[in-house]
Amino acid sequence: MTPRSALVLAVFGAVLLAASATLPRLHSADAPIRTRVQPYYIEHAVEDTATPNVVSAILADYRSFDTFGETTVVFAAGLACFLLLGRRQRAGGS
């Protein structure tokens, strides 16, 4: 590992540690997700989305762009693997 790579890695690690220090404690009852987001989703899921299943309402309606982005990344990774493996087989078979 070069000194420059080690420096970048150390700085990145320090940034991650500093950011993690500001996160709420694990399983904290007063975390924002439990006091603001979670109650809103449970109380308003049916009327906001017309979906009787709260989990489906969250994934398909409230977080649809996030879920679509995750699906796109997984699809792109699978397609890249398929193309790379296909290229290797064609190159070896010629």
C-alpha atoms as a PDB file:
ATOM      1  CA  MET A   1       0.000   0.000   0.000  1.00  0.00           C
ATOM      2  CA  THR A   2       1.366   3.372  -0.958  1.00  0.00           C
ATOM      3  CA  PRO A   3       1.600   6.180   1.613  1.00  0.00           C
ATOM      4  CA  ARG A   4      -0.957   8.182  -0.342  1.00  0.00           C
ATOM      5  CA  SER A   5      -3.453   5.283  -0.263  1.00  0.00           C
ATOM      6  CA  ALA A   6      -2.867   4.822   3.460  1.00  0.00           C
ATOM      7  CA  LEU A   7      -3.495   8.533   4.059  1.00  0.00           C
ATOM      8  CA  VAL A   8      -6.730   8.495   2.053  1.00  0.00           C
ATOM      9  CA  LEU A   9      -7.860   5.376   3.906  1.00  0.00           C
ATOM     10  CA  ALA A  10      -7.045   6.921   7.297  1.00  0.00           C
ATOM     11  CA  VAL A  11      -8.890  10.161   6.482  1.00  0.00           C
ATOM     12  CA  PHE A  12     -11.907   8.233   5.203  1.00  0.00           C
ATOM     13  CA  GLY A  13     -11.920   6.071   8.348  1.00  0.00           C
ATOM     14  CA  ALA A  14     -11.737   9.160  10.555  1.00  0.00           C
ATOM     15  CA  VAL A  15     -14.670  10.745   8.708  1.00  0.00           C
ATOM     16  CA  LEU A  16     -16.726   7.574   9.155  1.00  0.00           C
ATOM     17  CA  LEU A  17     -15.929   7.405  12.863  1.00  0.00           C
ATOM     18  CA  ALA A  18     -16.799  11.076  13.344  1.00  0.00           C
ATOM     19  CA  ALA A  19     -20.091  10.621  11.474  1.00  0.00           C
ATOM     20  CA  SER A  20     -20.996   7.508  13.449  1.00  0.00           C
ATOM     21  CA  ALA A  21     -20.506   9.376  16.722  1.00  0.00           C
ATOM     22  CA  THR A  22     -23.500  11.601  15.875  1.00  0.00           C
ATOM     23  CA  LEU A  23     -25.891   8.709  15.207  1.00  0.00           C
ATOM     24  CA  PRO A  24     -28.561   7.868  17.789  1.00  0.00           C
ATOM     25  CA  ARG A  25     -27.873   4.909  20.066  1.00  0.00           C
ATOM     26  CA  LEU A  26     -28.907   1.502  18.754  1.00  0.00           C
ATOM     27  CA  HIS A  27     -32.486   0.571  19.754  1.00  0.00           C
ATOM     28  CA  SER A  28     -32.995   4.000  21.289  1.00  0.00           C
ATOM     29  CA  ALA A  29     -36.658   4.752  21.979  1.00  0.00           C
ATOM     30  CA  ASP A  30     -36.155   8.466  21.285  1.00  0.00           C
ATOM     31  CA  ALA A  31     -34.451   8.044  17.888  1.00  0.00           C
ATOM     32  CA  PRO A  32     -36.071  10.153  15.129  1.00  0.00           C
ATOM     33  CA  ILE A  33     -37.057   7.065  13.162  1.00  0.00           C
ATOM     34  CA  ARG A  34     -39.169   5.848  16.103  1.00  0.00           C
ATOM     35  CA  THR A  35     -40.641   9.184  17.154  1.00  0.00           C
ATOM     36  CA  ARG A  36     -41.457  10.785  13.787  1.00  0.00           C
ATOM     37  CA  VAL A  37     -41.152   8.493  10.765  1.00  0.00           C
ATOM     38  CA  GLN A  38     -42.426   5.147  12.015  1.00  0.00           C
ATOM     39  CA  PRO A  39     -45.636   6.472  13.627  1.00  0.00           C
ATOM     40  CA  TYR A  40     -46.459   8.515  10.525  1.00  0.00           C
ATOM     41  CA  TYR A  41     -46.080   5.498   8.229  1.00  0.00           C
ATOM     42  CA  ILE A  42     -48.221   3.284  10.462  1.00  0.00           C
ATOM     43  CA  GLU A  43     -50.979   5.874  10.954  1.00  0.00           C
ATOM     44  CA  HIS A  44     -51.196   7.229   7.383  1.00  0.00           C
ATOM     45  CA  ALA A  45     -50.181   4.312   5.131  1.00  0.00           C
ATOM     46  CA  VAL A  46     -53.691   3.240   4.164  1.00  0.00           C
ATOM     47  CA  GLU A  47     -55.100   6.724   3.565  1.00  0.00           C
ATOM     48  CA  ASP A  48     -51.993   8.057   1.752  1.00  0.00           C
ATOM     49  CA  THR A  49     -51.400   5.066  -0.528  1.00  0.00           C
ATOM     50  CA  ALA A  50     -54.692   3.113  -0.666  1.00  0.00           C
ATOM     51  CA  THR A  51     -52.643  -0.009   0.081  1.00  0.00           C
ATOM     52  CA  PRO A  52     -53.850  -2.132   3.013  1.00  0.00           C
ATOM     53  CA  ASN A  53     -50.409  -3.677   3.607  1.00  0.00           C
ATOM     54  CA  VAL A  54     -48.101  -1.260   5.458  1.00  0.00           C
ATOM     55  CA  VAL A  55     -44.894  -2.944   4.258  1.00  0.00           C
ATOM     56  CA  SER A  56     -45.993  -2.761   0.618  1.00  0.00           C
ATOM     57  CA  ALA A  57     -47.058   0.851   1.099  1.00  0.00           C
ATOM     58  CA  ILE A  58     -43.634   1.780   2.454  1.00  0.00           C
ATOM     59  CA  LEU A  59     -41.647  -0.049  -0.232  1.00  0.00           C
ATOM     60  CA  ALA A  60     -43.843   0.732  -3.221  1.00  0.00           C
ATOM     61  CA  ASP A  61     -45.086   4.222  -2.401  1.00  0.00           C
ATOM     62  CA  TYR A  62     -43.129   6.071   0.279  1.00  0.00           C
ATOM     63  CA  ARG A  63     -39.722   4.695  -0.733  1.00  0.00           C
ATOM     64  CA  SER A  64     -40.420   3.943  -4.398  1.00  0.00           C
ATOM     65  CA  PHE A  65     -37.539   5.979  -5.800  1.00  0.00           C
ATOM     66  CA  ASP A  66     -35.117   4.417  -3.321  1.00  0.00           C
ATOM     67  CA  THR A  67     -36.365   0.897  -4.109  1.00  0.00           C
ATOM     68  CA  PHE A  68     -36.178   1.627  -7.842  1.00  0.00           C
ATOM     69  CA  GLY A  69     -32.613   2.882  -7.433  1.00  0.00           C
ATOM     70  CA  GLU A  70     -31.569  -0.233  -5.532  1.00  0.00           C
ATOM     71  CA  THR A  71     -33.178  -2.442  -8.186  1.00  0.00           C
ATOM     72  CA  THR A  72     -31.392  -0.520 -10.925  1.00  0.00           C
ATOM     73  CA  VAL A  73     -28.012  -0.967  -9.226  1.00  0.00           C
ATOM     74  CA  VAL A  74     -28.550  -4.716  -8.792  1.00  0.00           C
ATOM     75  CA  PHE A  75     -29.677  -5.031 -12.422  1.00  0.00           C
ATOM     76  CA  ALA A  76     -26.658  -3.066 -13.679  1.00  0.00           C
ATOM     77  CA  ALA A  77     -24.287  -5.228 -11.619  1.00  0.00           C
ATOM     78  CA  GLY A  78     -25.884  -8.416 -12.935  1.00  0.00           C
ATOM     79  CA  LEU A  79     -25.746  -7.152 -16.494  1.00  0.00           C
ATOM     80  CA  ALA A  80     -22.083  -6.184 -16.115  1.00  0.00           C
ATOM     81  CA  CYS A  81     -21.249  -9.648 -14.770  1.00  0.00           C
ATOM     82  CA  PHE A  82     -23.164 -11.276 -17.610  1.00  0.00           C
ATOM     83  CA  LEU A  83     -21.372  -9.172 -20.219  1.00  0.00           C
ATOM     84  CA  LEU A  84     -17.929  -9.749 -18.682  1.00  0.00           C
ATOM     85  CA  LEU A  85     -18.427 -13.497 -18.409  1.00  0.00           C
ATOM     86  CA  GLY A  86     -19.844 -13.661 -21.926  1.00  0.00           C
ATOM     87  CA  ARG A  87     -16.853 -11.745 -23.288  1.00  0.00           C
ATOM     88  CA  ARG A  88     -14.418 -14.129 -21.602  1.00  0.00           C
ATOM     89  CA  GLN A  89     -16.138 -17.197 -23.092  1.00  0.00           C
ATOM     90  CA  ARG A  90     -16.220 -15.706 -26.604  1.00  0.00           C
ATOM     91  CA  ALA A  91     -12.575 -14.682 -26.408  1.00  0.00           C
ATOM     92  CA  GLY A  92     -11.503 -18.130 -25.210  1.00  0.00           C
ATOM     93  CA  GLY A  93     -13.604 -19.985 -27.777  1.00  0.00           C
ATOM     94  CA  SER A  94     -12.296 -18.078 -30.833  1.00  0.00           C
END
